[in-house]
Protein backbone atom coordinates (compact mmCIF):
# COMPACT_ATOMS: atom_id res chain seq x y z
CA MET A 1 -3.01 214.41 65.67
CA GLN A 2 -5.61 214.44 68.46
CA LYS A 3 -4.02 214.37 71.92
CA VAL A 4 -5.84 212.75 74.84
CA CYS A 5 -5.03 212.42 78.54
CA LEU A 6 -6.74 209.70 80.58
CA ILE A 7 -7.71 210.93 84.04
CA GLY A 8 -9.60 209.34 86.94
CA TRP A 9 -9.27 207.92 90.40
CA PRO A 10 -6.51 205.37 91.09
CA GLY A 11 -7.66 201.86 90.18
CA SER A 12 -10.37 203.06 87.79
CA GLY A 13 -8.88 201.10 84.88
CA LYS A 14 -6.85 203.74 83.02
CA SER A 15 -3.96 201.38 82.25
CA ARG A 16 -6.28 198.57 81.16
CA PHE A 17 -8.18 200.90 78.87
CA TYR A 18 -4.98 202.19 77.31
CA GLN A 19 -3.78 198.64 76.64
CA LEU A 20 -7.11 197.81 74.97
CA ILE A 21 -7.03 200.74 72.55
CA ALA A 22 -3.27 200.98 71.94
CA PRO A 23 -3.36 198.93 68.69
CA GLN A 24 -5.92 201.36 67.20
CA LEU A 25 -4.27 204.67 68.04
CA GLN A 26 -1.91 205.08 65.10
CA ALA A 27 -4.59 204.35 62.52
CA LEU A 28 -6.99 206.80 64.19
CA ASN A 29 -4.30 209.49 64.56
CA LEU A 30 -4.70 209.61 68.35
CA THR A 31 -2.01 210.16 70.96
CA VAL A 32 -3.13 208.93 74.38
CA ARG A 33 -1.35 209.12 77.73
CA GLU A 34 -2.29 208.59 81.38
CA ALA A 35 -2.33 211.27 84.05
CA ASN A 36 -0.12 210.55 87.05
CA GLY A 37 -2.34 209.48 89.94
CA LEU A 38 -4.90 212.16 90.71
CA VAL A 39 -2.84 214.96 89.21
CA TRP A 40 -4.96 216.84 86.66
CA ASP A 41 -2.25 217.75 84.15
CA ILE A 42 -4.20 218.37 80.96
CA GLN A 43 -2.08 220.36 78.50
CA GLN A 44 -4.52 223.09 77.53
CA GLU A 45 -1.96 224.95 75.45
CA VAL A 46 -1.93 222.05 72.95
CA GLN A 47 -5.72 221.49 73.08
CA GLU A 48 -5.42 218.14 74.82
CA GLN A 49 -8.66 216.37 75.64
CA ALA A 50 -9.45 214.77 78.99
CA TRP A 51 -11.17 211.37 79.01
CA LEU A 52 -12.40 210.35 82.45
CA VAL A 53 -12.04 206.62 83.15
CA LEU A 54 -14.56 205.30 85.70
CA ASP A 55 -14.83 201.92 87.42
CA ALA A 56 -18.53 201.39 86.76
CA ARG A 57 -18.72 198.56 89.31
CA GLN A 58 -18.72 201.21 92.05
CA ARG A 59 -21.20 204.02 92.55
CA VAL A 60 -20.19 207.53 93.59
CA GLU A 61 -22.93 208.36 96.08
CA SER A 62 -22.13 212.01 96.78
CA PRO A 63 -23.84 214.24 94.16
CA ASP A 64 -21.24 217.01 94.63
CA GLU A 65 -18.36 214.58 94.21
CA LEU A 66 -19.98 212.97 91.19
CA ALA A 67 -20.58 216.35 89.55
CA THR A 68 -16.93 217.32 90.10
CA LEU A 69 -15.79 213.99 88.72
CA LEU A 70 -17.88 214.07 85.54
CA ASN A 71 -17.14 217.74 84.85
CA ALA A 72 -13.39 217.09 85.08
CA ALA A 73 -13.36 215.61 81.57
CA ASP A 74 -14.54 216.14 78.01
CA ALA A 75 -15.71 212.52 77.60
CA GLN A 76 -16.42 209.55 79.88
CA VAL A 77 -15.16 205.96 79.67
CA LEU A 78 -16.99 203.40 81.85
CA MET A 79 -14.81 200.37 82.50
CA PHE A 80 -15.73 196.79 83.51
CA TRP A 81 -19.23 197.21 82.05
CA GLN A 82 -19.64 193.43 81.67
CA GLU A 83 -19.28 193.04 85.45
CA VAL A 84 -21.81 195.73 86.37
CA SER A 85 -25.23 194.68 87.64
CA LEU A 86 -28.28 195.84 85.69
CA ASP A 87 -29.24 198.14 88.58
CA ASN A 88 -25.83 199.80 88.54
CA GLN A 89 -25.86 200.07 84.75
CA ALA A 90 -29.18 201.92 84.91
CA TRP A 91 -27.85 204.09 87.75
CA TRP A 92 -24.74 205.15 85.83
CA LEU A 93 -26.66 205.93 82.65
CA LYS A 94 -29.03 208.09 84.67
CA GLN A 95 -26.12 209.98 86.29
CA LEU A 96 -24.46 210.62 82.93
CA LYS A 97 -27.73 212.02 81.60
CA SER A 98 -28.22 214.19 84.70
CA PHE A 99 -24.70 215.54 85.28
CA ALA A 100 -23.04 215.41 81.84
CA PRO A 101 -25.76 215.23 79.16
CA ALA A 102 -23.63 216.88 76.47
CA LYS A 103 -20.52 214.74 76.96
CA PRO A 104 -20.01 211.56 74.88
CA TYR A 105 -19.36 208.33 76.74
CA ALA A 106 -18.31 204.76 76.00
CA LEU A 107 -19.17 201.48 77.75
CA VAL A 108 -16.10 199.26 77.68
CA MET A 109 -16.29 195.48 77.33
CA PRO A 110 -13.29 193.10 77.39
CA SER A 111 -13.08 193.35 73.58
CA GLY A 112 -12.43 197.08 73.82
CA LEU A 113 -14.07 199.76 71.66
CA ALA A 114 -14.81 199.97 67.96
CA ASP A 115 -13.02 202.66 65.95
CA ALA A 116 -16.30 204.56 65.60
CA GLU A 117 -16.68 204.76 69.38
CA LEU A 118 -13.16 206.14 69.82
CA ILE A 119 -13.79 208.68 67.08
CA LYS A 120 -16.98 209.76 68.89
CA LEU A 121 -15.00 210.35 72.09
CA ALA A 122 -12.28 212.22 70.20
CA ALA A 123 -14.91 214.56 68.70
CA ALA A 124 -15.95 215.87 72.13
CA PRO A 125 -15.58 219.66 72.53
CA LEU A 126 -13.15 220.86 75.21
CA SER A 127 -15.20 221.52 78.34
CA ALA A 128 -13.19 219.95 81.20
CA GLN A 129 -13.03 221.86 84.48
CA GLN A 130 -10.01 221.38 86.73
CA PRO A 131 -11.08 219.45 89.87
CA ASP A 132 -9.74 220.10 93.35
CA TRP A 133 -8.12 216.67 93.69
CA PRO A 134 -5.32 216.19 96.24
CA ARG A 135 -1.78 215.10 95.50
CA LEU A 136 -1.33 211.61 96.88
CA GLN A 137 1.37 210.16 99.08
CA ARG A 138 2.69 206.75 98.05
CA MET A 139 4.07 204.17 100.48
CA GLU A 140 5.33 200.68 99.79
CA PHE A 141 5.67 197.81 102.27
CA VAL A 142 7.35 194.40 102.26
CA LEU A 143 5.15 191.93 104.12
CA PRO A 144 5.60 188.41 105.51
CA LYS A 145 2.80 185.84 105.54
CA LEU A 146 -0.45 187.35 106.85
CA VAL A 147 -3.78 186.34 108.33
CA LEU A 148 -6.02 187.50 105.49
CA GLU A 149 -9.05 188.14 107.71
CA HIS A 150 -6.99 190.48 109.89
CA PHE A 151 -5.49 192.20 106.86
CA THR A 152 -8.93 192.83 105.35
CA PHE A 153 -10.04 194.31 108.67
CA VAL A 154 -7.05 196.69 108.61
CA LEU A 155 -7.88 197.84 105.07
CA ASP A 156 -11.44 198.50 106.18
CA ALA A 157 -10.13 200.49 109.16
CA MET A 158 -7.99 202.62 106.82
CA GLN A 159 -11.00 203.36 104.63
CA ARG A 160 -13.09 204.38 107.64
CA ASP A 161 -10.44 206.38 109.53
CA SER A 162 -11.33 210.09 109.41
CA THR A 163 -7.63 211.10 109.51
CA ILE A 164 -6.79 209.05 106.39
CA GLN A 165 -7.95 209.27 102.79
CA LEU A 166 -7.02 205.89 101.30
CA TRP A 167 -7.45 206.25 97.56
CA ARG A 168 -5.69 203.08 96.43
CA ALA A 169 -4.20 199.85 97.78
CA VAL A 170 -2.67 197.20 95.56
CA GLY A 171 -0.46 194.24 96.38
CA VAL A 172 0.04 190.49 96.50
CA VAL A 173 0.24 188.73 99.86
CA GLU A 174 0.84 185.24 101.18
CA CYS A 175 -1.72 184.24 103.80
CA LEU A 176 -2.53 181.37 106.11
CA GLU A 177 -5.94 180.73 104.60
CA PHE A 178 -4.86 179.89 101.01
CA ALA A 179 -2.05 177.97 99.34
CA ASN A 180 -1.68 180.49 96.49
CA PRO A 181 -0.86 184.18 96.92
CA VAL A 182 -3.82 186.55 97.08
CA ALA A 183 -3.93 189.74 95.01
CA ILE A 184 -5.48 192.77 96.68
CA GLU A 185 -7.01 195.80 94.98
CA ALA A 186 -8.82 198.40 97.07
CA GLY A 187 -10.19 201.88 96.59
CA ARG A 188 -11.93 204.38 98.81
CA ASN A 189 -14.82 202.11 99.75
CA TRP A 190 -14.23 198.73 98.07
CA VAL A 191 -11.85 195.76 98.23
CA TYR A 192 -11.30 193.03 95.63
CA GLN A 193 -9.41 189.81 96.36
CA TYR A 194 -8.47 187.15 93.83
CA ASN A 195 -6.03 184.31 93.20
CA ALA A 196 -2.67 185.79 92.18
CA GLY A 197 -1.34 182.54 90.71
CA ASP A 198 2.46 182.65 90.40
CA ALA A 199 2.79 186.39 90.99
CA GLN A 200 5.52 187.58 93.31
CA ALA A 201 4.03 187.92 96.80
CA GLY A 202 4.90 189.90 99.90
CA TRP A 203 4.32 193.51 98.87
CA LEU A 204 1.74 196.26 99.29
CA ARG A 205 1.49 199.77 97.83
CA LEU A 206 -0.76 202.42 99.35
CA GLU A 207 -1.73 205.81 97.89
CA GLY A 208 -3.62 208.42 99.82
CA VAL A 209 -3.60 211.51 102.00
CA GLY A 210 -2.60 211.60 105.66
CA LEU A 211 -0.67 208.32 105.55
CA ASN A 212 1.54 207.85 108.63
CA GLN A 213 4.17 205.17 108.03
CA ALA A 214 4.75 204.37 111.70
CA VAL A 215 1.03 203.92 112.36
CA LEU A 216 0.51 201.86 109.22
CA CYS A 217 3.47 199.61 110.06
CA GLU A 218 1.93 199.00 113.51
CA TRP A 219 -1.45 198.16 111.98
CA LEU A 220 0.06 195.83 109.39
CA SER A 221 2.23 194.04 111.96
CA ALA A 222 -0.98 193.07 113.75
CA CYS A 223 -1.86 191.01 110.64
CA TYR A 224 1.32 188.92 110.62
CA ALA A 225 0.80 185.17 110.78
CA PRO A 226 2.17 183.39 113.89
CA GLY A 227 5.93 183.05 113.71
CA ASN A 228 6.45 186.13 111.51
């Protein structure tokens, strides 16, 4: 049975990809698991493959960082391909050809991947090189109603602060501007906001390096809506 570990930056879509392919794994004789955060824990003694999951909606502008990222795996999985602009699609295909020409890759649509595409990934030779990724701190916060504009400004400040490496932010918040809760997903240089529907609101989880709880609590308290 072929063993595979999904690696990649937080928020890249590892869990979504696993859910898409889970019904196919037994028939294809594949065992797939997710790495924990940024920890590169490929089990080389059992010949486990590394599949790198990428959020193709976002470019990685640093050539050195991109080379490290693509060389960390035996095969590449580009998520959210249906949401990627034509310019970014062409950019990613060029980078794969430049930095990892011998590695197979898959472009993932909402319908998932065909069996033949998964078999192509599973046939990749072992070539992954361990990246120098940091171990991440994780902090969780309970939040009252917020002013969303202020909260977005604080997330931007975290991403720009030279003393912080914010790798991931995810949560659901109540805010003055909207009747329904707002879901937040953020990475190192991007933020997505969308209607959270009936999801439980009032929480935020941060993952990164150099996180100071006292400072972050002070920043977040500046986002509280009047009366909170």
